[in-house]
């Protein structure tokens, strides 16, 4: 599953998660603000149910067309990123 997020959205919503000095946070900081050439990150998450559940909920939320779909999608993506930082930092 590929997840695309605008830089401005990522910066304003998820920037607070990237204050640590771990590998994943460093990757995102360098991708957004540095001279890093790679602009993608592959996380092997297929064995972890928490990632599968969050992605399923995110896909479902993205297909909805109500006034709260975007806010819910951002919240789920925030949970996904926080869990990735927790597991891979």
Protein backbone atom coordinates (compact mmCIF):
# COMPACT_ATOMS: atom_id res chain seq x y z
CA UNK A 1 0.00 0.00 0.00
CA UNK A 2 1.38 3.38 -0.92
CA UNK A 3 0.44 6.38 1.19
CA UNK A 4 0.97 9.81 -0.33
CA UNK A 5 0.85 12.94 1.80
CA UNK A 6 1.46 16.52 0.72
CA UNK A 7 4.54 18.04 2.33
CA UNK A 8 2.50 20.91 3.75
CA UNK A 9 0.01 18.50 5.33
CA UNK A 10 2.74 16.26 6.67
CA UNK A 11 4.61 19.21 8.13
CA UNK A 12 1.62 20.85 9.80
CA UNK A 13 -0.02 17.71 11.16
CA UNK A 14 2.76 15.21 11.79
CA UNK A 15 5.78 17.44 12.38
CA UNK A 16 5.46 17.09 16.14
CA UNK A 17 6.07 13.36 15.90
CA UNK A 18 9.44 13.89 14.27
CA UNK A 19 11.31 15.50 17.14
CA UNK A 20 13.18 12.36 18.22
CA UNK A 21 16.67 11.44 17.04
CA UNK A 22 15.79 7.97 15.79
CA UNK A 23 16.23 6.57 12.28
CA UNK A 24 12.63 6.95 11.08
CA UNK A 25 12.25 10.52 12.37
CA UNK A 26 15.60 11.43 10.79
CA UNK A 27 14.47 9.99 7.45
CA UNK A 28 11.33 12.14 7.41
CA UNK A 29 13.15 15.28 8.53
CA UNK A 30 15.81 14.81 5.85
CA UNK A 31 13.21 14.04 3.18
CA UNK A 32 11.19 17.12 4.02
CA UNK A 33 13.87 19.64 4.89
CA UNK A 34 17.23 18.26 3.85
CA UNK A 35 19.07 17.30 0.71
CA UNK A 36 18.14 13.60 0.93
CA UNK A 37 17.54 11.99 -2.43
CA UNK A 38 15.26 9.13 -1.34
CA UNK A 39 11.69 10.25 -0.87
CA UNK A 40 10.12 6.95 0.16
CA UNK A 41 10.39 4.57 3.07
CA UNK A 42 9.53 0.88 3.01
CA UNK A 43 8.37 -0.62 6.30
CA UNK A 44 7.79 -4.35 6.48
CA UNK A 45 4.50 -4.37 8.36
CA UNK A 46 2.70 -7.40 6.94
CA UNK A 47 3.14 -9.46 10.09
CA UNK A 48 1.74 -6.87 12.48
CA UNK A 49 -2.04 -6.79 12.86
CA UNK A 50 -2.02 -3.22 14.16
CA UNK A 51 -0.73 -1.90 10.81
CA UNK A 52 -3.17 -4.00 8.80
CA UNK A 53 -6.09 -2.77 10.90
CA UNK A 54 -5.07 0.89 10.66
CA UNK A 55 -4.59 0.63 6.87
CA UNK A 56 -7.97 -1.05 6.42
CA UNK A 57 -9.64 1.71 8.44
CA UNK A 58 -7.72 4.37 6.48
CA UNK A 59 -8.78 2.93 3.11
CA UNK A 60 -12.39 2.74 4.30
CA UNK A 61 -12.29 6.33 5.57
CA UNK A 62 -10.77 7.62 2.32
CA UNK A 63 -13.68 6.16 0.37
CA UNK A 64 -16.27 7.99 2.46
CA UNK A 65 -17.64 11.31 1.33
CA UNK A 66 -18.84 12.95 4.51
CA UNK A 67 -17.67 16.07 6.29
CA UNK A 68 -15.48 14.12 8.74
CA UNK A 69 -13.71 11.72 6.38
CA UNK A 70 -10.60 13.87 5.95
CA UNK A 71 -10.21 14.51 9.69
CA UNK A 72 -10.62 10.81 10.44
CA UNK A 73 -8.14 9.88 7.70
CA UNK A 74 -5.55 12.27 9.12
CA UNK A 75 -6.07 10.85 12.61
CA UNK A 76 -5.64 7.27 11.36
CA UNK A 77 -2.52 8.23 9.44
CA UNK A 78 -1.17 9.91 12.57
CA UNK A 79 -1.76 6.67 14.50
CA UNK A 80 -0.06 4.68 11.74
CA UNK A 81 3.00 6.93 11.77
CA UNK A 82 3.21 6.97 15.57
CA UNK A 83 3.04 3.17 15.63
CA UNK A 84 5.74 2.96 12.93
CA UNK A 85 7.96 5.28 14.96
CA UNK A 86 7.32 3.19 18.06
CA UNK A 87 8.12 -0.10 16.34
CA UNK A 88 11.02 0.93 14.10
CA UNK A 89 12.82 3.62 16.08
